[in-house]
């Protein structure tokens, strides 16, 4: 289930993921994916290996992520005429489906993969992609969309997102159990339409798809920095003078998400991450002490010892439940500063009573460890209050909490979902073995921006490995988190996309290959594809090494090879009109040996 997780507003999104294995044979080149790189090996052993960070050949007219079952006949192509092609609902319809059809009538042709360039077209025997390989005389006139059940008013965690697509001579057919599967199918259909020489094509195709995990989320931190409503809407698919989200703003976000098959789940992180709440309600928080004296304006987590705290939270969540219709609510529970509770004499006395101690003297102050009893009391009382309030909702209420609550052995309802963000896959396994369903985020904190290429680590993380046979349903899925300590509306989208796409692909299905960055073709209309005739390039625009031809389209480009001179590595980087060559290893007598006869020398 696609989810937007807003902390102080959360979002569920997503569909499927891919496996981190890739093997392919293209002409005389074999391509393997290994440890974050695509390794190209060439017949004839002239070059030992050539490693690149992106897929050497782009996919065209292929779905992303790869569906559960996917078969296609590349020699059977059909045309689509944007002037006459129609999409219609065959049986049941509703406003969610009708609005989606209107969107995708535009998306299918405007976003179709355009004319493309094959980076391996100059390798020996590399089969070119051609639109005249098979019969293209048939034009597909329509896409028929059928759903089996009436449209519900909201998307739920139990909604059926499965669908099937059939592309054959007499038309295209999309069948789904519920409207949410139809939305997923429309997106997949839009991806398998491609353009060549200003003509639109689609291959004969059979697809059956459903998500591996129900929970596929992105967490948006709207607390540390205010994120404009328009940015939230763009990520799904507000600026206010006081920088708050009004009921109308939230309702607009939820409605916008619903029509795209996305659930919106709120997070209100209590009792720890609540300092800003105290600016409006200072009595809500715990006064921190130092050397037995209160420190002015130094407040800690919510005060668990006061009845007023729970009265406020009941009133607050009553309002939340009126606005947010999803049955999931995230209560946080992470990073609670126990030392502030430990310093406060009232909290000390409160915990002493919980432990059946009559009083606590200054000399026998309770340890920080025993302060966990305050967290247990707070969580137990709050969840019981909310469960009673949730009885007025048709589907009740279900809690999501961060893993510290589970680590601290806080008594929580067994159906509470634990979100793992600190621990490894082993911790995820321990969580599900304790009877709780889980969401995994540890390897997908995309606000952590390391130097260099880092998308492979997103692909390499699979929460499914924590599940034993028959136990995978305990893992609801994963969630990419983008916290906003150092992120604002101006940079949010550029940091989220396309990096979160790698997470979405990896978190979906066990399929055969991945493509990494540059998987999707950009619009290359107007791109200058003229071959460079600079130093080091022959007249075809590439450097040739015996039977190896390498097109220089990314900068820098490096490889290693073995010849009769030595084993060496070369990195080429293009700066303006000057090619700089770095040679490492043994001294090489001549680089001219790398070029074909008649090629330019360096």
Protein backbone atom coordinates (compact mmCIF):
# COMPACT_ATOMS: atom_id res chain seq x y z
CA UNK A 1 0.00 0.00 0.00
CA UNK A 2 1.45 3.31 -1.02
CA UNK A 3 1.75 5.52 2.02
CA UNK A 4 2.74 9.07 2.80
CA UNK A 5 3.99 9.14 6.40
CA UNK A 6 3.82 12.73 7.58
CA UNK A 7 5.56 13.24 10.85
CA UNK A 8 3.50 15.45 12.12
CA UNK A 9 2.16 14.10 8.81
CA UNK A 10 3.24 10.50 7.27
CA UNK A 11 2.74 9.18 3.53
CA UNK A 12 2.48 5.61 2.08
CA UNK A 13 3.53 5.29 -1.54
CA UNK A 14 5.05 2.70 -3.76
CA UNK A 15 4.61 -0.39 -5.83
CA UNK A 16 7.31 -2.98 -6.30
CA UNK A 17 11.08 -3.50 -6.10
CA UNK A 18 13.77 -5.46 -7.93
CA UNK A 19 16.48 -7.92 -7.07
CA UNK A 20 20.13 -6.93 -6.94
CA UNK A 21 21.22 -9.44 -9.57
CA UNK A 22 21.71 -8.59 -13.23
CA UNK A 23 23.18 -10.69 -16.02
CA UNK A 24 22.85 -9.96 -19.69
CA UNK A 25 24.59 -10.67 -23.00
CA UNK A 26 24.62 -7.88 -25.56
CA UNK A 27 26.49 -8.77 -28.73
CA UNK A 28 30.04 -9.63 -27.75
CA UNK A 29 29.62 -8.00 -24.33
CA UNK A 30 28.47 -9.75 -21.17
CA UNK A 31 27.19 -7.47 -18.41
CA UNK A 32 27.07 -8.45 -14.74
CA UNK A 33 25.95 -6.40 -11.75
CA UNK A 34 28.34 -6.78 -8.83
CA UNK A 35 28.75 -4.70 -5.65
CA UNK A 36 27.18 -1.55 -6.99
CA UNK A 37 28.78 -1.61 -10.43
CA UNK A 38 27.94 -2.95 -13.85
CA UNK A 39 30.90 -5.05 -14.97
CA UNK A 40 31.30 -5.38 -18.74
CA UNK A 41 33.40 -8.23 -20.11
CA UNK A 42 34.27 -8.55 -23.77
CA UNK A 43 34.83 -11.61 -25.91
CA UNK A 44 38.43 -12.12 -26.94
CA UNK A 45 39.93 -11.23 -23.53
CA UNK A 46 41.40 -8.00 -24.91
CA UNK A 47 39.85 -6.14 -22.02
CA UNK A 48 39.71 -7.79 -18.59
CA UNK A 49 36.76 -5.74 -17.39
CA UNK A 50 35.13 -2.38 -17.68
CA UNK A 51 33.11 -1.09 -14.73
CA UNK A 52 30.44 1.59 -14.86
CA UNK A 53 28.04 2.92 -12.22
CA UNK A 54 24.97 2.95 -14.45
CA UNK A 55 23.38 0.40 -16.71
CA UNK A 56 25.19 0.46 -20.07
CA UNK A 57 21.98 -0.03 -22.03
CA UNK A 58 18.76 1.74 -21.23
CA UNK A 59 15.48 -0.12 -21.19
CA UNK A 60 12.72 1.11 -23.46
CA UNK A 61 9.06 0.32 -23.19
CA UNK A 62 9.58 -1.75 -20.05
CA UNK A 63 7.68 -1.48 -16.75
CA UNK A 64 9.41 -0.26 -13.63
CA UNK A 65 9.57 -1.88 -11.17
CA UNK A 66 9.25 -5.25 -12.87
CA UNK A 67 5.85 -6.90 -12.28
CA UNK A 68 5.36 -10.25 -10.60
CA UNK A 69 4.70 -11.95 -13.93
CA UNK A 70 5.75 -10.30 -17.14
CA UNK A 71 6.01 -11.67 -20.66
CA UNK A 72 6.37 -9.78 -23.89
CA UNK A 73 7.00 -10.43 -27.59
CA UNK A 74 9.56 -7.88 -28.76
CA UNK A 75 8.93 -8.86 -32.35
CA UNK A 76 5.24 -8.05 -32.14
CA UNK A 77 4.74 -4.30 -31.95
CA UNK A 78 1.50 -2.37 -32.10
CA UNK A 79 1.04 1.30 -32.84
CA UNK A 80 -0.91 3.79 -30.77
CA UNK A 81 -2.37 6.90 -32.36
CA UNK A 82 -2.68 9.69 -29.76
CA UNK A 83 -5.38 11.35 -31.87
CA UNK A 84 -7.77 8.40 -31.67
CA UNK A 85 -6.61 6.23 -28.74
CA UNK A 86 -9.14 6.11 -25.93
CA UNK A 87 -9.28 4.74 -22.37
CA UNK A 88 -12.68 3.77 -21.00
CA UNK A 89 -14.22 2.01 -18.02
CA UNK A 90 -15.85 -1.22 -19.15
CA UNK A 91 -18.17 -1.85 -16.22
CA UNK A 92 -17.96 -0.24 -12.78
CA UNK A 93 -16.77 3.35 -12.61
CA UNK A 94 -16.33 6.06 -10.02
CA UNK A 95 -14.74 9.49 -9.72
CA UNK A 96 -11.39 7.99 -8.61
CA UNK A 97 -11.14 5.92 -11.79
CA UNK A 98 -12.53 8.61 -14.10
CA UNK A 99 -10.05 11.20 -12.85
CA UNK A 100 -7.23 8.69 -13.23
CA UNK A 101 -8.27 7.99 -16.82
CA UNK A 102 -8.19 11.70 -17.57
CA UNK A 103 -4.69 12.01 -16.05
CA UNK A 104 -3.27 9.03 -17.91
CA UNK A 105 -4.70 9.99 -21.28
CA UNK A 106 -2.23 12.84 -21.04
CA UNK A 107 0.60 11.03 -19.22
CA UNK A 108 0.77 8.05 -21.61
CA UNK A 109 1.85 10.12 -24.59
CA UNK A 110 3.56 13.07 -22.95
CA UNK A 111 5.78 10.83 -20.79
CA UNK A 112 6.49 8.06 -23.31
CA UNK A 113 10.16 7.20 -23.65
CA UNK A 114 11.44 9.21 -26.57
CA UNK A 115 14.10 8.54 -29.17
CA UNK A 116 17.06 6.98 -27.44
CA UNK A 117 20.72 6.25 -27.98
CA UNK A 118 22.23 2.81 -27.45
CA UNK A 119 25.54 3.08 -25.63
CA UNK A 120 26.61 -0.34 -26.91
CA UNK A 121 25.57 0.06 -30.51
CA UNK A 122 29.18 0.02 -31.71
CA UNK A 123 30.12 -3.27 -30.07
CA UNK A 124 30.47 -6.22 -32.38
CA UNK A 125 27.22 -7.97 -33.23
CA UNK A 126 25.24 -5.80 -30.84
CA UNK A 127 21.61 -6.23 -31.92
CA UNK A 128 20.14 -2.77 -32.50
CA UNK A 129 16.69 -1.92 -31.28
CA UNK A 130 14.48 -1.58 -34.31
CA UNK A 131 10.80 -0.88 -34.72
CA UNK A 132 10.74 -2.66 -38.07
CA UNK A 133 11.74 -6.06 -36.64
CA UNK A 134 8.17 -7.28 -36.59
CA UNK A 135 4.66 -6.46 -37.68
CA UNK A 136 3.71 -2.88 -36.78
CA UNK A 137 0.72 -2.59 -39.07
CA UNK A 138 -1.85 -3.05 -36.30
CA UNK A 139 -3.01 -0.03 -34.32
CA UNK A 140 -4.32 -0.56 -30.78
CA UNK A 141 -7.51 1.54 -30.61
CA UNK A 142 -8.26 1.52 -26.90
CA UNK A 143 -7.45 0.48 -23.34
CA UNK A 144 -10.40 -1.13 -21.58
CA UNK A 145 -10.40 -0.90 -17.77
CA UNK A 146 -12.53 -3.27 -15.72
CA UNK A 147 -12.80 -3.51 -11.94
CA UNK A 148 -14.69 -6.26 -10.14
CA UNK A 149 -15.84 -4.44 -7.01
CA UNK A 150 -17.42 -1.02 -6.39
CA UNK A 151 -15.09 1.80 -5.45
CA UNK A 152 -14.63 2.34 -1.70
CA UNK A 153 -14.48 5.82 -0.27
CA UNK A 154 -10.95 5.35 1.13
CA UNK A 155 -7.90 3.25 0.44
CA UNK A 156 -7.03 0.93 3.34
CA UNK A 157 -4.11 -1.20 4.40
CA UNK A 158 -6.09 -4.27 3.33
CA UNK A 159 -7.05 -2.91 -0.11
CA UNK A 160 -6.40 -5.17 -3.10
CA UNK A 161 -3.87 -3.59 -5.47
CA UNK A 162 -3.51 -6.50 -7.87
CA UNK A 163 -4.14 -6.09 -11.59
CA UNK A 164 -3.51 -7.73 -14.95
CA UNK A 165 -2.75 -6.22 -18.36
CA UNK A 166 -3.15 -7.90 -21.73
CA UNK A 167 -1.96 -6.25 -24.94
CA UNK A 168 -3.13 -8.10 -28.05
CA UNK A 169 -4.12 -7.42 -31.64
CA UNK A 170 -7.66 -6.24 -31.03
CA UNK A 171 -6.97 -4.02 -28.00
CA UNK A 172 -5.47 -3.49 -24.55
CA UNK A 173 -7.20 -4.75 -21.41
CA UNK A 174 -6.64 -3.86 -17.76
CA UNK A 175 -8.50 -5.89 -15.13
CA UNK A 176 -8.35 -5.25 -11.39
CA UNK A 177 -10.22 -6.43 -8.35
CA UNK A 178 -10.43 -2.92 -6.88
CA UNK A 179 -9.93 0.56 -8.25
CA UNK A 180 -6.53 0.78 -6.53
CA UNK A 181 -5.21 -2.02 -8.71
CA UNK A 182 -6.54 -0.14 -11.73
CA UNK A 183 -4.46 2.90 -10.70
CA UNK A 184 -1.35 0.71 -10.47
CA UNK A 185 -2.16 -0.82 -13.85
CA UNK A 186 -2.62 2.54 -15.54
CA UNK A 187 0.83 3.59 -14.32
CA UNK A 188 2.37 0.37 -15.64
CA UNK A 189 0.61 0.80 -18.99
CA UNK A 190 1.99 4.33 -19.29
CA UNK A 191 5.52 2.95 -18.87
CA UNK A 192 5.33 0.30 -21.60
CA UNK A 193 4.34 2.79 -24.28
CA UNK A 194 7.40 4.20 -26.08
CA UNK A 195 8.15 6.49 -28.98
CA UNK A 196 10.46 6.01 -31.98
CA UNK A 197 10.66 8.39 -34.94
CA UNK A 198 7.61 10.27 -33.64
CA UNK A 199 5.51 7.08 -33.63
CA UNK A 200 4.10 5.48 -30.48
CA UNK A 201 4.49 1.74 -29.94
CA UNK A 202 3.62 -0.94 -27.44
CA UNK A 203 4.72 -4.58 -27.44
CA UNK A 204 2.47 -7.60 -27.20
CA UNK A 205 2.43 -8.05 -23.43
CA UNK A 206 0.98 -10.08 -20.58
CA UNK A 207 1.30 -8.75 -17.02
CA UNK A 208 0.04 -9.97 -13.67
CA UNK A 209 1.13 -7.88 -10.73
CA UNK A 210 0.56 -7.36 -7.05
CA UNK A 211 2.76 -5.80 -4.36
CA UNK A 212 5.03 -7.98 -2.27
CA UNK A 213 4.50 -5.78 0.78
CA UNK A 214 1.41 -3.85 1.81
CA UNK A 215 3.37 -0.99 3.37
CA UNK A 216 5.60 0.95 1.00
CA UNK A 217 6.15 4.37 2.48
CA UNK A 218 7.96 7.67 2.42
CA UNK A 219 8.30 9.62 5.65
CA UNK A 220 8.14 13.38 5.34
CA UNK A 221 9.35 15.38 8.31
CA UNK A 222 7.13 18.46 8.38
CA UNK A 223 8.12 19.38 11.93
CA UNK A 224 11.80 20.44 11.79
CA UNK A 225 11.09 22.63 8.76
CA UNK A 226 7.71 23.63 7.44
CA UNK A 227 7.22 21.95 4.06
CA UNK A 228 4.90 23.84 1.73
CA UNK A 229 1.64 22.15 0.90
CA UNK A 230 2.41 22.44 -2.81
CA UNK A 231 5.60 20.45 -2.22
CA UNK A 232 3.63 17.73 -0.43
CA UNK A 233 1.14 17.61 -3.30
CA UNK A 234 3.99 17.47 -5.81
CA UNK A 235 5.62 14.61 -3.91
CA UNK A 236 2.25 12.80 -3.94
CA UNK A 237 1.92 13.23 -7.38
CA UNK A 238 1.12 25.12 2.13
CA UNK A 239 2.23 27.98 2.69
CA UNK A 240 0.16 29.60 5.40
CA UNK A 241 1.05 32.89 7.10
CA UNK A 242 1.45 31.14 10.42
CA UNK A 243 3.01 28.07 8.80
CA UNK A 244 0.44 25.63 10.04
CA UNK A 245 -1.59 23.00 8.24
CA UNK A 246 -5.25 23.89 8.50
CA UNK A 247 -7.97 21.27 8.44
CA UNK A 248 -8.65 22.32 4.87
CA UNK A 249 -4.97 21.82 3.93
CA UNK A 250 -4.92 18.33 5.40
CA UNK A 251 -8.21 17.39 3.80
CA UNK A 252 -6.89 18.56 0.44
CA UNK A 253 -3.71 16.48 0.85
CA UNK A 254 -5.70 13.38 1.85
CA UNK A 255 -8.13 13.84 -1.03
CA UNK A 256 -5.30 14.44 -3.51
CA UNK A 257 -3.56 11.29 -2.25
CA UNK A 258 -6.74 9.19 -2.39
CA UNK A 259 -7.18 9.78 -6.10
CA UNK A 260 -3.67 8.44 -6.61
CA UNK A 261 -4.18 5.39 -4.42
CA UNK A 262 -2.05 6.71 -1.55
CA UNK A 263 -2.87 6.55 2.15
CA UNK A 264 -1.88 9.38 4.47
CA UNK A 265 -0.87 8.36 7.98
CA UNK A 266 -0.15 11.01 10.65
CA UNK A 267 2.62 10.74 13.21
CA UNK A 268 2.58 12.67 16.45
CA UNK A 269 5.76 11.66 18.22
CA UNK A 270 5.11 11.42 21.95
CA UNK A 271 6.30 11.79 24.61
CA UNK A 272 9.81 12.68 23.41
CA UNK A 273 9.87 14.83 20.28
CA UNK A 274 7.43 17.38 21.62
CA UNK A 275 9.45 20.46 22.58
CA UNK A 276 7.61 22.67 20.08
CA UNK A 277 4.31 21.66 21.69
CA UNK A 278 5.53 23.24 24.91
CA UNK A 279 5.84 26.62 23.23
CA UNK A 280 2.05 26.73 23.18
CA UNK A 281 1.41 24.55 26.23
CA UNK A 282 4.44 24.81 28.54
CA UNK A 283 2.71 22.89 31.34
CA UNK A 284 2.55 19.90 29.01
CA UNK A 285 6.30 19.28 29.26
CA UNK A 286 8.61 18.17 32.07
CA UNK A 287 10.67 20.90 33.76
CA UNK A 288 14.32 19.82 33.72
CA UNK A 289 16.48 20.36 36.83
CA UNK A 290 20.18 20.76 37.44
CA UNK A 291 21.76 20.52 40.90
CA UNK A 292 18.29 20.35 42.39
CA UNK A 293 17.15 23.61 40.76
CA UNK A 294 14.83 24.10 37.75
CA UNK A 295 16.57 25.39 34.63
CA UNK A 296 14.45 28.18 33.08
CA UNK A 297 13.07 27.33 29.60
CA UNK A 298 14.74 23.89 29.71
CA UNK A 299 11.97 21.39 29.11
CA UNK A 300 12.07 17.69 28.39
CA UNK A 301 9.46 15.18 27.22
CA UNK A 302 5.82 15.35 28.14
CA UNK A 303 5.21 15.13 31.86
CA UNK A 304 3.86 11.62 32.59
CA UNK A 305 2.92 12.48 36.16
CA UNK A 306 0.16 15.00 35.39
CA UNK A 307 -3.43 14.15 34.52
CA UNK A 308 -3.54 17.35 32.47
CA UNK A 309 -1.10 15.76 29.98
CA UNK A 310 -3.50 12.95 29.14
CA UNK A 311 -6.54 15.25 29.03
CA UNK A 312 -4.72 17.39 26.47
CA UNK A 313 -3.73 14.37 24.38
CA UNK A 314 -7.29 13.01 24.36
CA UNK A 315 -8.54 16.33 23.07
CA UNK A 316 -5.75 16.53 20.52
CA UNK A 317 -6.26 13.03 19.11
CA UNK A 318 -10.02 13.50 19.01
CA UNK A 319 -9.33 16.29 16.52
CA UNK A 320 -6.79 14.14 14.68
CA UNK A 321 -9.28 11.30 14.23
CA UNK A 322 -11.83 13.71 12.78
CA UNK A 323 -9.42 14.83 10.06
CA UNK A 324 -7.34 11.70 9.33
CA UNK A 325 -9.51 8.80 8.22
CA UNK A 326 -6.80 6.11 7.99
CA UNK A 327 -6.96 3.66 10.88
CA UNK A 328 -3.18 3.80 11.37
CA UNK A 329 -1.72 6.44 13.66
CA UNK A 330 1.98 6.70 14.45
CA UNK A 331 2.72 7.54 18.10
CA UNK A 332 6.51 7.79 17.82
CA UNK A 333 7.98 6.82 21.18
CA UNK A 334 11.61 7.20 20.12
CA UNK A 335 14.51 9.08 21.69
CA UNK A 336 12.81 9.92 24.99
CA UNK A 337 15.36 11.83 27.19
CA UNK A 338 15.09 9.94 30.45
CA UNK A 339 17.67 12.18 32.15
CA UNK A 340 15.20 15.09 32.30
CA UNK A 341 12.60 12.86 33.92
CA UNK A 342 15.28 11.64 36.30
CA UNK A 343 16.16 15.23 37.30
CA UNK A 344 12.57 16.25 38.06
CA UNK A 345 11.52 15.57 41.69
CA UNK A 346 7.81 15.27 40.83
CA UNK A 347 8.48 12.64 38.18
CA UNK A 348 10.82 10.88 40.62
CA UNK A 349 8.06 10.67 43.22
CA UNK A 350 5.59 9.54 40.55
CA UNK A 351 7.84 6.68 39.42
CA UNK A 352 8.51 5.74 43.06
CA UNK A 353 4.77 5.28 43.57
CA UNK A 354 4.61 3.17 40.42
CA UNK A 355 7.32 0.99 41.94
CA UNK A 356 5.46 0.90 45.29
CA UNK A 357 8.15 3.01 46.97
CA UNK A 358 6.64 5.57 49.35
CA UNK A 359 9.16 8.31 48.63
CA UNK A 360 12.48 9.08 47.06
CA UNK A 361 15.14 11.05 48.86
CA UNK A 362 17.81 13.11 47.10
CA UNK A 363 20.42 10.57 48.15
CA UNK A 364 18.52 7.63 46.71
CA UNK A 365 17.36 9.16 43.47
CA UNK A 366 15.94 6.57 41.10
CA UNK A 367 18.20 5.50 38.25
CA UNK A 368 17.62 6.49 34.66
CA UNK A 369 16.86 2.84 33.93
CA UNK A 370 13.91 2.93 36.32
CA UNK A 371 12.60 5.99 34.47
CA UNK A 372 11.52 3.55 31.77
CA UNK A 373 8.60 2.82 34.06
CA UNK A 374 7.36 6.34 33.36
CA UNK A 375 7.48 5.60 29.62
CA UNK A 376 5.59 2.35 30.17
CA UNK A 377 2.90 4.12 32.17
CA UNK A 378 2.60 6.97 29.68
CA UNK A 379 2.32 4.65 26.68
CA UNK A 380 -0.11 2.27 28.34
CA UNK A 381 -2.43 5.05 29.50
CA UNK A 382 -2.36 6.87 26.17
CA UNK A 383 -2.97 3.78 24.03
CA UNK A 384 -5.87 2.67 26.27
CA UNK A 385 -7.44 6.12 25.94
CA UNK A 386 -7.06 6.08 22.17
CA UNK A 387 -8.42 2.54 21.80
CA UNK A 388 -11.59 3.64 23.62
CA UNK A 389 -11.85 6.68 21.35
CA UNK A 390 -11.26 4.48 18.31
CA UNK A 391 -14.34 2.40 19.03
CA UNK A 392 -16.38 5.11 17.38
CA UNK A 393 -14.55 4.46 14.10
CA UNK A 394 -15.77 1.71 11.79
CA UNK A 395 -12.31 0.11 11.51
CA UNK A 396 -11.03 1.06 14.94
CA UNK A 397 -7.44 2.18 15.30
CA UNK A 398 -4.02 0.60 14.95
CA UNK A 399 -0.75 2.00 16.31
CA UNK A 400 2.67 2.31 14.72
CA UNK A 401 5.66 3.01 17.01
CA UNK A 402 9.41 3.32 16.65
CA UNK A 403 11.54 0.40 17.76
CA UNK A 404 12.70 1.96 21.06
CA UNK A 405 9.24 1.25 22.48
CA UNK A 406 9.75 -2.43 21.71
CA UNK A 407 13.36 -2.37 22.93
CA UNK A 408 12.28 -0.89 26.26
CA UNK A 409 9.74 -3.69 26.68
CA UNK A 410 6.88 -1.22 26.94
CA UNK A 411 3.53 -3.06 27.16
CA UNK A 412 1.73 -2.30 23.90
CA UNK A 413 -1.12 -3.97 22.00
CA UNK A 414 0.12 -7.00 20.07
CA UNK A 415 -1.17 -5.55 16.79
CA UNK A 416 1.09 -2.50 17.21
CA UNK A 417 3.39 -2.17 14.20
CA UNK A 418 7.06 -1.60 15.03
CA UNK A 419 9.08 0.63 12.72
CA UNK A 420 12.76 -0.37 12.82
CA UNK A 421 15.14 2.50 12.14
CA UNK A 422 18.20 1.76 14.29
CA UNK A 423 18.62 -1.99 14.17
CA UNK A 424 19.79 -4.35 11.48
CA UNK A 425 17.89 -7.08 9.68
CA UNK A 426 18.57 -9.22 12.76
CA UNK A 427 16.63 -6.79 14.93
CA UNK A 428 13.81 -6.82 12.40
CA UNK A 429 13.76 -10.59 12.71
CA UNK A 430 13.56 -10.32 16.52
CA UNK A 431 10.64 -7.90 16.26
CA UNK A 432 8.54 -10.18 14.10
CA UNK A 433 9.47 -13.20 16.17
CA UNK A 434 8.02 -11.39 19.19
CA UNK A 435 4.64 -11.29 17.45
CA UNK A 436 4.64 -7.73 16.08
CA UNK A 437 4.36 -6.85 12.43
CA UNK A 438 7.11 -4.50 11.29
CA UNK A 439 8.16 -1.78 8.86
CA UNK A 440 11.85 -1.43 8.00
CA UNK A 441 13.64 1.89 7.52
CA UNK A 442 17.20 1.44 8.83
CA UNK A 443 18.90 1.41 5.44
CA UNK A 444 16.66 4.03 3.84
CA UNK A 445 17.39 7.27 5.67
CA UNK A 446 17.79 9.33 2.54
CA UNK A 447 18.50 12.55 4.42
CA UNK A 448 21.91 10.95 5.11
CA UNK A 449 23.87 11.96 2.04
CA UNK A 450 27.25 10.23 1.75
CA UNK A 451 29.88 11.17 -0.76
CA UNK A 452 29.96 9.29 -4.04
CA UNK A 453 27.65 6.70 -5.52
CA UNK A 454 25.27 5.36 -2.90
CA UNK A 455 22.21 4.08 -4.72
CA UNK A 456 23.51 0.46 -4.64
CA UNK A 457 23.11 0.30 -0.86
CA UNK A 458 19.41 1.08 -1.25
CA UNK A 459 19.07 -1.78 -3.73
CA UNK A 460 21.06 -4.14 -1.55
CA UNK A 461 18.71 -3.85 1.43
CA UNK A 462 15.87 -6.36 1.55
CA UNK A 463 13.72 -6.63 4.69
CA UNK A 464 12.28 -9.87 3.35
CA UNK A 465 15.46 -11.68 4.35
CA UNK A 466 14.39 -11.39 8.00
CA UNK A 467 11.33 -13.53 7.41
CA UNK A 468 11.33 -17.28 7.61
CA UNK A 469 9.25 -19.41 5.30
CA UNK A 470 5.59 -18.57 5.76
CA UNK A 471 6.41 -15.58 7.98
CA UNK A 472 6.87 -12.83 5.41
CA UNK A 473 3.44 -11.35 6.12
CA UNK A 474 4.82 -10.18 9.45
CA UNK A 475 6.94 -7.69 7.50
CA UNK A 476 4.55 -5.11 6.12
CA UNK A 477 7.29 -3.48 4.06
CA UNK A 478 9.61 -0.54 4.24
CA UNK A 479 9.68 3.22 4.38
CA UNK A 480 12.18 5.74 3.08
CA UNK A 481 12.69 8.56 5.56
CA UNK A 482 13.62 12.12 4.70
CA UNK A 483 13.94 14.13 7.91
CA UNK A 484 14.00 17.89 7.61
CA UNK A 485 16.61 19.11 10.12
CA UNK A 486 18.58 20.46 7.17
CA UNK A 487 15.95 20.24 4.44
CA UNK A 488 13.41 22.89 3.43
CA UNK A 489 10.70 23.19 0.80
CA UNK A 490 13.25 24.51 -1.68
CA UNK A 491 15.34 21.31 -1.59
CA UNK A 492 12.92 18.60 -0.47
CA UNK A 493 11.93 17.21 -3.86
CA UNK A 494 15.44 17.29 -5.30
CA UNK A 495 16.71 15.27 -2.32
CA UNK A 496 13.79 12.85 -2.33
CA UNK A 497 13.73 12.03 -6.04
CA UNK A 498 15.11 10.07 -7.76
CA UNK A 499 16.89 8.56 -4.72
CA UNK A 500 13.65 7.25 -3.21
CA UNK A 501 12.93 5.52 -6.52
CA UNK A 502 15.78 3.12 -5.85
CA UNK A 503 14.16 2.30 -2.52
CA UNK A 504 10.75 1.79 -4.11
CA UNK A 505 12.18 -0.57 -6.70
CA UNK A 506 14.19 -2.61 -4.21
CA UNK A 507 11.32 -2.90 -1.75
CA UNK A 508 8.91 -4.46 -4.21
CA UNK A 509 9.34 -7.79 -5.88
CA UNK A 510 11.97 -10.46 -6.26
CA UNK A 511 12.62 -10.01 -9.97
CA UNK A 512 15.47 -10.65 -12.29
CA UNK A 513 17.45 -7.47 -12.68
CA UNK A 514 17.97 -3.86 -11.75
CA UNK A 515 19.06 -0.90 -13.77
CA UNK A 516 19.86 1.81 -11.28
CA UNK A 517 20.23 5.49 -12.17
CA UNK A 518 19.28 6.46 -15.74
CA UNK A 519 16.86 3.54 -15.94
CA UNK A 520 14.16 5.92 -17.17
CA UNK A 521 14.87 7.75 -20.35
CA UNK A 522 14.82 11.51 -20.27
CA UNK A 523 13.28 13.53 -23.04
CA UNK A 524 16.10 13.85 -25.52
CA UNK A 525 14.35 15.92 -28.12
CA UNK A 526 16.71 18.64 -29.11
CA UNK A 527 19.72 16.91 -27.59
CA UNK A 528 22.83 17.38 -29.66
CA UNK A 529 23.71 13.83 -30.66
CA UNK A 530 26.39 14.92 -33.05
CA UNK A 531 29.50 12.79 -32.63
CA UNK A 532 32.50 14.53 -31.17
CA UNK A 533 35.60 14.63 -33.30
CA UNK A 534 37.91 15.75 -30.56
CA UNK A 535 41.35 14.42 -29.75
CA UNK A 536 41.28 10.77 -28.90
CA UNK A 537 38.04 10.03 -30.71
CA UNK A 538 37.92 8.49 -34.14
CA UNK A 539 35.45 9.68 -36.73
CA UNK A 540 32.64 7.65 -35.13
CA UNK A 541 33.01 9.39 -31.79
CA UNK A 542 34.41 6.61 -29.70
CA UNK A 543 37.72 5.06 -28.73
CA UNK A 544 38.19 1.56 -30.04
CA UNK A 545 40.30 -1.10 -28.37
CA UNK A 546 40.60 -4.06 -30.73
CA UNK A 547 37.07 -5.51 -30.67
CA UNK A 548 35.91 -3.13 -27.92
CA UNK A 549 34.06 0.04 -28.72
CA UNK A 550 33.21 2.45 -25.91
CA UNK A 551 31.02 5.50 -26.39
CA UNK A 552 31.98 8.42 -24.17
CA UNK A 553 28.67 9.82 -22.94
CA UNK A 554 29.30 10.06 -19.21
CA UNK A 555 32.10 11.90 -17.50
CA UNK A 556 34.39 10.63 -16.06
CA UNK A 557 34.61 7.15 -17.54
CA UNK A 558 37.12 4.57 -16.32
CA UNK A 559 38.13 1.04 -17.14
CA UNK A 560 40.92 -1.46 -16.63
CA UNK A 561 42.36 -3.75 -19.25
CA UNK A 562 45.20 -6.12 -20.04
CA UNK A 563 47.27 -6.09 -23.21
CA UNK A 564 50.78 -6.96 -24.24
CA UNK A 565 52.12 -3.82 -22.53
CA UNK A 566 50.90 -4.12 -18.98
CA UNK A 567 47.90 -4.24 -16.70
CA UNK A 568 46.76 -0.70 -16.29
CA UNK A 569 43.83 1.57 -15.63
CA UNK A 570 42.82 4.66 -17.52
CA UNK A 571 40.37 7.35 -16.54
CA UNK A 572 39.19 9.79 -19.17
CA UNK A 573 37.57 13.04 -18.23
CA UNK A 574 36.28 15.62 -20.66
CA UNK A 575 36.63 19.25 -19.72
CA UNK A 576 35.58 21.66 -22.43
CA UNK A 577 37.49 20.59 -25.50
CA UNK A 578 40.46 19.06 -23.70
CA UNK A 579 40.77 15.38 -22.88
CA UNK A 580 42.94 14.61 -19.89
CA UNK A 581 44.26 11.08 -19.57
CA UNK A 582 45.47 9.61 -16.28
CA UNK A 583 47.47 6.40 -16.55
CA UNK A 584 48.20 4.35 -13.45
CA UNK A 585 50.46 1.32 -13.12
CA UNK A 586 53.47 0.46 -15.20
CA UNK A 587 54.90 2.86 -17.71
CA UNK A 588 53.19 2.47 -21.05
CA UNK A 589 55.20 2.99 -24.18
CA UNK A 590 52.36 4.24 -26.31
CA UNK A 591 48.69 4.94 -25.89
CA UNK A 592 48.43 4.99 -29.66
CA UNK A 593 48.24 1.18 -29.39
CA UNK A 594 44.70 1.61 -28.01
CA UNK A 595 43.43 3.26 -31.17
CA UNK A 596 42.48 1.71 -34.50
CA UNK A 597 44.54 2.41 -37.55
CA UNK A 598 43.82 5.92 -38.68
CA UNK A 599 42.54 6.98 -35.29
CA UNK A 600 43.68 10.18 -33.60
CA UNK A 601 46.61 9.95 -31.24
CA UNK A 602 46.81 11.67 -27.89
